[in-house]
Amino acid sequence: MSQPPLTTRAAIEAAITARELDPDHSVLPKEFWTHPAVAQAVARLDVTALIRQARTLTPITQEQLARLTGLTQPTISRIESGRTQPRDLARVRALLASLGAPEPAQHSGPHPLSGYTVRAVIATDPDGRTVVLHAPTQTVADALAPAEQPVATPLPPPPTHPEWPPPR
């Protein structure tokens, strides 16, 4: 047996209109954000699960989600179906904020990756080159926190040798 939606289509449309006038106006009801599956999606920064839950628990349409997030309806559809996943952390946080998501709760206990040290992260710079972001003494929690300007160095060229495999 399915549960009734947490709000109505008319209430969603009215809230979106109000949101256009007041960016702090909430569109999705408080009960939505306290639902266990939604809270878990927010904590994991999982936009796909959040969009699926919004569409399951409320009568919000893909077009309305597109208006709220600034994405297109086809992009919302691809995210909801799992064909695409926003990977840029800043973009994910912006999408969550545009939907009115509360800030993810901080872990009360130790971070699950505490004790690990990040040595380097491989990334792509704006020009499409692969770079290594060095962080020789950073903890995982520090590495995942937004940074102002990471230090980037290009990857070394692949090793070359006239014969392969090299002689022993």
N, C-alpha and C. Protein backbone atom coordinates (compact mmCIF):
# COMPACT_ATOMS: atom_id res chain seq x y z
N MET A 1 0.84 -1.17 0.00
CA MET A 1 0.00 0.00 0.00
C MET A 1 0.89 1.24 0.00
N SER A 2 0.68 2.13 -0.96
CA SER A 2 1.51 3.34 -1.04
C SER A 2 0.95 4.41 -0.12
N GLN A 3 1.86 5.23 0.39
CA GLN A 3 1.45 6.30 1.29
C GLN A 3 1.02 7.51 0.47
N PRO A 4 0.14 8.34 1.03
CA PRO A 4 -0.24 9.56 0.30
C PRO A 4 0.94 10.51 0.22
N PRO A 5 0.99 11.36 -0.80
CA PRO A 5 2.11 12.31 -0.92
C PRO A 5 2.14 13.26 0.28
N LEU A 6 3.31 13.78 0.57
CA LEU A 6 3.50 14.67 1.71
C LEU A 6 2.91 16.06 1.47
N THR A 7 2.57 16.37 0.22
CA THR A 7 1.99 17.67 -0.12
C THR A 7 1.19 17.51 -1.41
N THR A 8 0.60 18.60 -1.88
CA THR A 8 -0.21 18.54 -3.10
C THR A 8 0.50 19.25 -4.24
N ARG A 9 0.04 18.98 -5.46
CA ARG A 9 0.60 19.65 -6.64
C ARG A 9 0.43 21.17 -6.53
N ALA A 10 -0.74 21.59 -6.07
CA ALA A 10 -1.01 23.03 -5.95
C ALA A 10 -0.07 23.67 -4.92
N ALA A 11 0.18 22.97 -3.82
CA ALA A 11 1.07 23.51 -2.79
C ALA A 11 2.50 23.61 -3.32
N ILE A 12 2.93 22.62 -4.10
CA ILE A 12 4.28 22.65 -4.70
C ILE A 12 4.38 23.86 -5.64
N GLU A 13 3.39 24.03 -6.51
CA GLU A 13 3.42 25.14 -7.47
C GLU A 13 3.41 26.49 -6.75
N ALA A 14 2.60 26.61 -5.71
CA ALA A 14 2.55 27.86 -4.94
C ALA A 14 3.89 28.12 -4.24
N ALA A 15 4.50 27.06 -3.72
CA ALA A 15 5.79 27.21 -3.04
C ALA A 15 6.90 27.59 -4.02
N ILE A 16 6.85 27.06 -5.23
CA ILE A 16 7.85 27.43 -6.24
C ILE A 16 7.69 28.90 -6.61
N THR A 17 6.46 29.36 -6.76
CA THR A 17 6.20 30.77 -7.06
C THR A 17 6.72 31.64 -5.91
N ALA A 18 6.44 31.24 -4.69
CA ALA A 18 6.93 31.99 -3.53
C ALA A 18 8.45 31.98 -3.48
N ARG A 19 9.05 30.86 -3.86
CA ARG A 19 10.52 30.74 -3.86
C ARG A 19 11.15 31.70 -4.86
N GLU A 20 10.46 31.94 -5.99
CA GLU A 20 10.97 32.87 -6.99
C GLU A 20 11.00 34.30 -6.43
N LEU A 21 10.11 34.60 -5.48
CA LEU A 21 10.09 35.91 -4.86
C LEU A 21 11.01 35.98 -3.64
N ASP A 22 11.13 34.85 -2.94
CA ASP A 22 11.96 34.77 -1.73
C ASP A 22 12.81 33.51 -1.80
N PRO A 23 14.10 33.63 -2.14
CA PRO A 23 14.96 32.45 -2.31
C PRO A 23 15.06 31.55 -1.07
N ASP A 24 14.70 32.08 0.11
CA ASP A 24 14.78 31.27 1.33
C ASP A 24 13.50 30.48 1.59
N HIS A 25 12.46 30.70 0.76
CA HIS A 25 11.19 30.00 0.96
C HIS A 25 11.36 28.52 0.63
N SER A 26 10.90 27.66 1.52
CA SER A 26 11.01 26.22 1.33
C SER A 26 9.94 25.73 0.36
N VAL A 27 10.33 24.86 -0.56
CA VAL A 27 9.38 24.30 -1.52
C VAL A 27 8.86 22.95 -1.03
N LEU A 28 9.77 22.12 -0.59
CA LEU A 28 9.38 20.80 -0.12
C LEU A 28 9.08 20.87 1.37
N PRO A 29 8.06 20.14 1.84
CA PRO A 29 7.65 20.26 3.24
C PRO A 29 8.71 19.72 4.21
N LYS A 30 8.63 20.17 5.45
CA LYS A 30 9.58 19.76 6.49
C LYS A 30 9.59 18.22 6.64
N GLU A 31 8.42 17.60 6.51
CA GLU A 31 8.33 16.13 6.64
C GLU A 31 9.17 15.42 5.58
N PHE A 32 9.33 16.06 4.43
CA PHE A 32 10.16 15.46 3.38
C PHE A 32 11.60 15.34 3.85
N TRP A 33 12.14 16.44 4.42
CA TRP A 33 13.55 16.46 4.80
C TRP A 33 13.85 15.57 6.00
N THR A 34 12.82 15.23 6.81
CA THR A 34 13.05 14.35 7.96
C THR A 34 12.79 12.88 7.63
N HIS A 35 12.33 12.59 6.43
CA HIS A 35 12.11 11.20 6.02
C HIS A 35 13.47 10.49 6.03
N PRO A 36 13.56 9.27 6.58
CA PRO A 36 14.87 8.59 6.70
C PRO A 36 15.63 8.44 5.38
N ALA A 37 14.95 8.08 4.30
CA ALA A 37 15.64 7.89 3.02
C ALA A 37 16.17 9.22 2.49
N VAL A 38 15.43 10.30 2.73
CA VAL A 38 15.85 11.63 2.28
C VAL A 38 17.04 12.10 3.11
N ALA A 39 16.96 11.93 4.43
CA ALA A 39 18.06 12.34 5.30
C ALA A 39 19.34 11.58 4.94
N GLN A 40 19.20 10.31 4.60
CA GLN A 40 20.37 9.51 4.20
C GLN A 40 20.93 10.01 2.87
N ALA A 41 20.08 10.34 1.92
CA ALA A 41 20.54 10.86 0.62
C ALA A 41 21.27 12.19 0.81
N VAL A 42 20.75 13.05 1.67
CA VAL A 42 21.41 14.34 1.93
C VAL A 42 22.76 14.09 2.58
N ALA A 43 22.81 13.19 3.57
CA ALA A 43 24.07 12.91 4.26
C ALA A 43 25.12 12.36 3.30
N ARG A 44 24.70 11.58 2.30
CA ARG A 44 25.63 11.00 1.32
C ARG A 44 25.87 11.93 0.13
N LEU A 45 25.19 13.09 0.12
CA LEU A 45 25.26 14.03 -1.01
C LEU A 45 24.84 13.33 -2.31
N ASP A 46 23.83 12.48 -2.21
CA ASP A 46 23.36 11.67 -3.33
C ASP A 46 22.17 12.36 -4.01
N VAL A 47 22.47 13.12 -5.05
CA VAL A 47 21.44 13.89 -5.75
C VAL A 47 20.44 12.96 -6.45
N THR A 48 20.92 11.85 -6.99
CA THR A 48 20.04 10.90 -7.67
C THR A 48 18.98 10.38 -6.71
N ALA A 49 19.40 9.90 -5.55
CA ALA A 49 18.45 9.38 -4.57
C ALA A 49 17.51 10.48 -4.08
N LEU A 50 18.03 11.69 -3.92
CA LEU A 50 17.20 12.80 -3.46
C LEU A 50 16.11 13.13 -4.48
N ILE A 51 16.46 13.18 -5.75
CA ILE A 51 15.46 13.46 -6.79
C ILE A 51 14.44 12.33 -6.85
N ARG A 52 14.90 11.10 -6.75
CA ARG A 52 13.95 9.97 -6.76
C ARG A 52 12.99 10.05 -5.58
N GLN A 53 13.52 10.38 -4.41
CA GLN A 53 12.66 10.49 -3.23
C GLN A 53 11.68 11.66 -3.38
N ALA A 54 12.14 12.78 -3.91
CA ALA A 54 11.25 13.93 -4.12
C ALA A 54 10.10 13.54 -5.04
N ARG A 55 10.41 12.79 -6.07
CA ARG A 55 9.37 12.40 -7.03
C ARG A 55 8.47 11.29 -6.47
N THR A 56 8.98 10.49 -5.53
CA THR A 56 8.18 9.43 -4.92
C THR A 56 7.29 9.96 -3.81
N LEU A 57 7.85 10.83 -2.96
CA LEU A 57 7.13 11.28 -1.76
C LEU A 57 6.27 12.51 -1.99
N THR A 58 6.51 13.24 -3.07
CA THR A 58 5.72 14.44 -3.37
C THR A 58 5.30 14.39 -4.84
N PRO A 59 4.33 15.20 -5.21
CA PRO A 59 3.91 15.21 -6.61
C PRO A 59 4.73 16.16 -7.49
N ILE A 60 5.95 16.47 -7.09
CA ILE A 60 6.78 17.41 -7.86
C ILE A 60 7.15 16.78 -9.20
N THR A 61 7.15 17.59 -10.25
CA THR A 61 7.48 17.10 -11.59
C THR A 61 8.95 17.38 -11.91
N GLN A 62 9.43 16.73 -12.96
CA GLN A 62 10.80 17.00 -13.42
C GLN A 62 10.94 18.45 -13.87
N GLU A 63 9.90 18.99 -14.49
CA GLU A 63 9.94 20.39 -14.93
C GLU A 63 10.07 21.33 -13.73
N GLN A 64 9.35 21.03 -12.65
CA GLN A 64 9.44 21.86 -11.45
C GLN A 64 10.82 21.74 -10.81
N LEU A 65 11.37 20.53 -10.77
CA LEU A 65 12.73 20.34 -10.25
C LEU A 65 13.73 21.12 -11.10
N ALA A 66 13.52 21.13 -12.41
CA ALA A 66 14.40 21.88 -13.30
C ALA A 66 14.33 23.38 -12.98
N ARG A 67 13.13 23.90 -12.75
CA ARG A 67 12.99 25.32 -12.39
C ARG A 67 13.72 25.64 -11.09
N LEU A 68 13.65 24.75 -10.13
CA LEU A 68 14.29 24.98 -8.84
C LEU A 68 15.81 24.93 -8.92
N THR A 69 16.33 24.01 -9.72
CA THR A 69 17.77 23.77 -9.75
C THR A 69 18.51 24.53 -10.84
N GLY A 70 17.77 25.02 -11.83
CA GLY A 70 18.43 25.69 -12.95
C GLY A 70 18.94 24.70 -14.00
N LEU A 71 18.62 23.42 -13.82
CA LEU A 71 18.99 22.42 -14.83
C LEU A 71 17.85 22.30 -15.83
N THR A 72 18.06 21.53 -16.88
CA THR A 72 16.98 21.29 -17.83
C THR A 72 16.21 20.05 -17.41
N GLN A 73 14.98 19.92 -17.91
CA GLN A 73 14.18 18.73 -17.60
C GLN A 73 14.87 17.46 -18.08
N PRO A 74 15.47 17.43 -19.29
CA PRO A 74 16.17 16.20 -19.69
C PRO A 74 17.34 15.85 -18.76
N THR A 75 18.02 16.85 -18.22
CA THR A 75 19.11 16.58 -17.28
C THR A 75 18.56 15.98 -15.99
N ILE A 76 17.45 16.53 -15.49
CA ILE A 76 16.80 15.97 -14.30
C ILE A 76 16.42 14.51 -14.57
N SER A 77 15.89 14.25 -15.75
CA SER A 77 15.50 12.89 -16.12
C SER A 77 16.71 11.94 -16.12
N ARG A 78 17.83 12.41 -16.68
CA ARG A 78 19.04 11.57 -16.71
C ARG A 78 19.58 11.31 -15.31
N ILE A 79 19.51 12.32 -14.44
CA ILE A 79 19.97 12.14 -13.06
C ILE A 79 19.04 11.15 -12.34
N GLU A 80 17.74 11.35 -12.49
CA GLU A 80 16.77 10.48 -11.80
C GLU A 80 16.91 9.03 -12.25
N SER A 81 17.16 8.82 -13.53
CA SER A 81 17.28 7.45 -14.05
C SER A 81 18.66 6.84 -13.79
N GLY A 82 19.60 7.65 -13.31
CA GLY A 82 20.94 7.15 -13.03
C GLY A 82 21.86 7.15 -14.23
N ARG A 83 21.42 7.74 -15.35
CA ARG A 83 22.28 7.78 -16.54
C ARG A 83 23.38 8.81 -16.43
N THR A 84 23.21 9.78 -15.52
CA THR A 84 24.26 10.76 -15.26
C THR A 84 24.25 11.05 -13.78
N GLN A 85 25.40 11.44 -13.27
CA GLN A 85 25.53 11.74 -11.84
C GLN A 85 26.42 12.95 -11.69
N PRO A 86 25.92 14.03 -11.07
CA PRO A 86 26.80 15.17 -10.83
C PRO A 86 27.96 14.73 -9.92
N ARG A 87 29.19 15.01 -10.33
CA ARG A 87 30.35 14.54 -9.58
C ARG A 87 31.11 15.68 -8.90
N ASP A 88 30.98 16.88 -9.40
CA ASP A 88 31.67 18.02 -8.82
C ASP A 88 31.02 18.36 -7.49
N LEU A 89 31.79 18.29 -6.40
CA LEU A 89 31.25 18.49 -5.07
C LEU A 89 30.57 19.85 -4.92
N ALA A 90 31.15 20.89 -5.47
CA ALA A 90 30.54 22.21 -5.37
C ALA A 90 29.19 22.22 -6.08
N ARG A 91 29.10 21.57 -7.23
CA ARG A 91 27.83 21.52 -7.98
C ARG A 91 26.79 20.70 -7.23
N VAL A 92 27.22 19.59 -6.62
CA VAL A 92 26.30 18.76 -5.84
C VAL A 92 25.73 19.57 -4.68
N ARG A 93 26.61 20.28 -3.97
CA ARG A 93 26.16 21.10 -2.84
C ARG A 93 25.21 22.20 -3.32
N ALA A 94 25.49 22.80 -4.48
CA ALA A 94 24.61 23.84 -5.03
C ALA A 94 23.24 23.26 -5.39
N LEU A 95 23.23 22.05 -5.97
CA LEU A 95 21.96 21.41 -6.30
C LEU A 95 21.15 21.12 -5.05
N LEU A 96 21.82 20.59 -4.02
CA LEU A 96 21.12 20.30 -2.76
C LEU A 96 20.56 21.59 -2.16
N ALA A 97 21.35 22.66 -2.18
CA ALA A 97 20.89 23.94 -1.63
C ALA A 97 19.71 24.48 -2.43
N SER A 98 19.75 24.33 -3.75
CA SER A 98 18.66 24.84 -4.58
C SER A 98 17.36 24.10 -4.31
N LEU A 99 17.47 22.86 -3.84
CA LEU A 99 16.27 22.10 -3.48
C LEU A 99 15.83 22.39 -2.04
N GLY A 100 16.66 23.14 -1.30
CA GLY A 100 16.31 23.47 0.07
C GLY A 100 16.79 22.45 1.08
N ALA A 101 17.74 21.61 0.70
CA ALA A 101 18.23 20.57 1.61
C ALA A 101 18.97 21.19 2.78
N PRO A 102 18.77 20.63 3.97
CA PRO A 102 19.56 21.10 5.10
C PRO A 102 21.01 20.67 4.93
N GLU A 103 21.91 21.36 5.61
CA GLU A 103 23.32 20.96 5.56
C GLU A 103 23.44 19.55 6.13
N PRO A 104 24.23 18.68 5.49
CA PRO A 104 24.40 17.34 6.03
C PRO A 104 24.97 17.40 7.44
N ALA A 105 24.44 16.54 8.30
CA ALA A 105 24.92 16.51 9.69
C ALA A 105 26.36 16.00 9.71
N GLN A 106 27.13 16.59 10.60
CA GLN A 106 28.51 16.13 10.77
C GLN A 106 28.50 14.86 11.61
N HIS A 107 29.44 13.97 11.34
CA HIS A 107 29.55 12.74 12.11
C HIS A 107 29.86 13.08 13.56
N SER A 108 29.16 12.43 14.48
CA SER A 108 29.44 12.68 15.88
C SER A 108 30.65 11.87 16.34
N GLY A 109 30.85 10.73 15.73
CA GLY A 109 31.99 9.88 16.09
C GLY A 109 33.15 10.14 15.15
N PRO A 110 34.16 9.27 15.22
CA PRO A 110 35.30 9.45 14.31
C PRO A 110 34.88 9.21 12.86
N HIS A 111 35.53 9.91 11.97
CA HIS A 111 35.27 9.75 10.54
C HIS A 111 35.63 8.33 10.15
N PRO A 112 34.83 7.68 9.28
CA PRO A 112 35.12 6.29 8.93
C PRO A 112 36.50 6.11 8.28
N LEU A 113 37.07 7.17 7.74
CA LEU A 113 38.39 7.05 7.12
C LEU A 113 39.48 7.69 7.98
N SER A 114 39.17 7.94 9.27
CA SER A 114 40.19 8.54 10.13
C SER A 114 41.36 7.56 10.24
N GLY A 115 42.54 8.10 10.33
CA GLY A 115 43.73 7.26 10.36
C GLY A 115 44.38 7.13 8.99
N TYR A 116 43.63 7.39 7.92
CA TYR A 116 44.19 7.34 6.58
C TYR A 116 44.78 8.70 6.24
N THR A 117 45.80 8.72 5.42
CA THR A 117 46.40 9.96 4.97
C THR A 117 46.35 10.01 3.45
N VAL A 118 45.96 11.16 2.92
CA VAL A 118 45.92 11.36 1.48
C VAL A 118 47.32 11.76 1.03
N ARG A 119 47.85 11.05 0.06
CA ARG A 119 49.16 11.39 -0.49
C ARG A 119 49.03 12.24 -1.74
N ALA A 120 48.04 11.94 -2.57
CA ALA A 120 47.82 12.71 -3.79
C ALA A 120 46.45 12.34 -4.34
N VAL A 121 45.90 13.25 -5.13
CA VAL A 121 44.63 13.03 -5.81
C VAL A 121 44.85 13.33 -7.28
N ILE A 122 44.39 12.44 -8.14
CA ILE A 122 44.50 12.68 -9.59
C ILE A 122 43.23 13.40 -10.03
N ALA A 123 43.38 14.48 -10.78
CA ALA A 123 42.25 15.28 -11.22
C ALA A 123 42.52 15.80 -12.64
N THR A 124 41.52 16.47 -13.20
CA THR A 124 41.65 17.09 -14.51
C THR A 124 41.54 18.59 -14.32
N ASP A 125 42.49 19.34 -14.90
CA ASP A 125 42.42 20.80 -14.77
C ASP A 125 41.45 21.36 -15.81
N PRO A 126 41.14 22.66 -15.74
CA PRO A 126 40.16 23.25 -16.68
C PRO A 126 40.55 23.12 -18.15
N ASP A 127 41.85 22.92 -18.43
CA ASP A 127 42.28 22.77 -19.83
C ASP A 127 42.25 21.32 -20.28
N GLY A 128 41.78 20.41 -19.41
CA GLY A 128 41.66 19.01 -19.79
C GLY A 128 42.91 18.18 -19.53
N ARG A 129 43.92 18.77 -18.91
CA ARG A 129 45.15 18.01 -18.61
C ARG A 129 44.99 17.27 -17.29
N THR A 130 45.56 16.08 -17.21
CA THR A 130 45.54 15.33 -15.97
C THR A 130 46.63 15.87 -15.06
N VAL A 131 46.26 16.13 -13.81
CA VAL A 131 47.21 16.68 -12.84
C VAL A 131 47.14 15.86 -11.56
N VAL A 132 48.19 15.95 -10.77
CA VAL A 132 48.20 15.32 -9.46
C VAL A 132 48.17 16.43 -8.42
N LEU A 133 47.18 16.38 -7.55
CA LEU A 133 47.09 17.34 -6.47
C LEU A 133 47.79 16.71 -5.27
N HIS A 134 48.92 17.28 -4.89
CA HIS A 134 49.72 16.71 -3.80
C HIS A 134 49.19 17.17 -2.46
N ALA A 135 49.07 16.26 -1.56
CA ALA A 135 48.63 16.56 -0.20
C ALA A 135 49.33 15.57 0.73
N PRO A 136 50.64 15.68 0.87
CA PRO A 136 51.40 14.63 1.54
C PRO A 136 51.06 14.39 3.00
N THR A 137 50.47 15.35 3.69
CA THR A 137 50.18 15.12 5.10
C THR A 137 48.73 15.40 5.46
N GLN A 138 47.87 15.47 4.47
CA GLN A 138 46.47 15.78 4.73
C GLN A 138 45.71 14.55 5.21
N THR A 139 44.79 14.75 6.15
CA THR A 139 43.88 13.68 6.51
C THR A 139 42.80 13.61 5.44
N VAL A 140 42.07 12.52 5.41
CA VAL A 140 41.00 12.38 4.43
C VAL A 140 39.95 13.47 4.65
N ALA A 141 39.59 13.73 5.90
CA ALA A 141 38.58 14.77 6.18
C ALA A 141 39.05 16.14 5.67
N ASP A 142 40.34 16.46 5.86
CA ASP A 142 40.87 17.74 5.37
C ASP A 142 40.87 17.76 3.84
N ALA A 143 41.19 16.64 3.22
CA ALA A 143 41.25 16.58 1.76
C ALA A 143 39.86 16.75 1.15
N LEU A 144 38.82 16.26 1.83
CA LEU A 144 37.47 16.37 1.29
C LEU A 144 36.83 17.72 1.57
N ALA A 145 37.39 18.49 2.48
CA ALA A 145 36.86 19.82 2.76
C ALA A 145 37.17 20.74 1.58
N PRO A 146 36.26 21.66 1.26
CA PRO A 146 36.53 22.57 0.13
C PRO A 146 37.81 23.38 0.38
N ALA A 147 38.64 23.46 -0.62
CA ALA A 147 39.90 24.20 -0.51
C ALA A 147 39.84 25.42 -1.42
N GLU A 148 40.57 26.44 -1.04
CA GLU A 148 40.58 27.65 -1.86
C GLU A 148 41.33 27.42 -3.17
N GLN A 149 42.53 26.90 -3.11
CA GLN A 149 43.34 26.73 -4.31
C GLN A 149 44.27 25.53 -4.12
N PRO A 150 43.93 24.36 -4.69
CA PRO A 150 44.83 23.22 -4.54
C PRO A 150 46.11 23.44 -5.34
N VAL A 151 47.16 22.78 -4.90
CA VAL A 151 48.44 22.85 -5.61
C VAL A 151 48.43 21.73 -6.65
N ALA A 152 48.61 22.10 -7.91
CA ALA A 152 48.54 21.11 -8.98
C ALA A 152 49.86 21.05 -9.73
N THR A 153 50.27 19.82 -10.01
CA THR A 153 51.45 19.62 -10.84
C THR A 153 51.10 18.60 -11.91
N PRO A 154 51.62 18.77 -13.13
CA PRO A 154 51.30 17.81 -14.18
C PRO A 154 51.89 16.44 -13.85
N LEU A 155 51.24 15.41 -14.38
CA LEU A 155 51.78 14.06 -14.24
C LEU A 155 53.10 13.97 -15.00
N PRO A 156 54.03 13.18 -14.51
CA PRO A 156 55.26 13.00 -15.28
C PRO A 156 54.94 12.23 -16.55
N PRO A 157 55.77 12.38 -17.58
CA PRO A 157 55.49 11.62 -18.81
C PRO A 157 55.65 10.13 -18.53
N PRO A 158 54.97 9.30 -19.30
CA PRO A 158 55.12 7.86 -19.08
C PRO A 158 56.57 7.44 -19.33
N PRO A 159 57.03 6.45 -18.58
CA PRO A 159 58.42 6.03 -18.78
C PRO A 159 58.61 5.48 -20.19
N THR A 160 59.75 5.79 -20.74
CA THR A 160 60.06 5.27 -22.07
C THR A 160 61.31 4.41 -21.97
N HIS A 161 61.31 3.38 -22.74
CA HIS A 161 62.45 2.48 -22.78
C HIS A 161 62.50 1.92 -24.19
N PRO A 162 63.67 1.80 -24.79
CA PRO A 162 63.72 1.33 -26.18
C PRO A 162 63.19 -0.08 -26.35
N GLU A 163 63.30 -0.91 -25.33
CA GLU A 163 62.80 -2.28 -25.44
C GLU A 163 61.74 -2.53 -24.39
N TRP A 164 60.75 -3.30 -24.76
CA TRP A 164 59.79 -3.70 -23.76
C TRP A 164 59.55 -5.17 -23.88
N PRO A 165 59.62 -5.92 -22.86
CA PRO A 165 60.00 -5.51 -21.51
C PRO A 165 61.49 -5.19 -21.44
N PRO A 166 61.84 -4.35 -20.45
CA PRO A 166 63.27 -3.99 -20.34
C PRO A 166 64.12 -5.21 -20.04
N PRO A 167 65.37 -5.18 -20.45
CA PRO A 167 66.25 -6.33 -20.15
C PRO A 167 66.47 -6.46 -18.67
N ARG A 168 66.73 -7.68 -18.26
CA ARG A 168 66.96 -7.93 -16.81
C ARG A 168 68.41 -7.87 -16.48
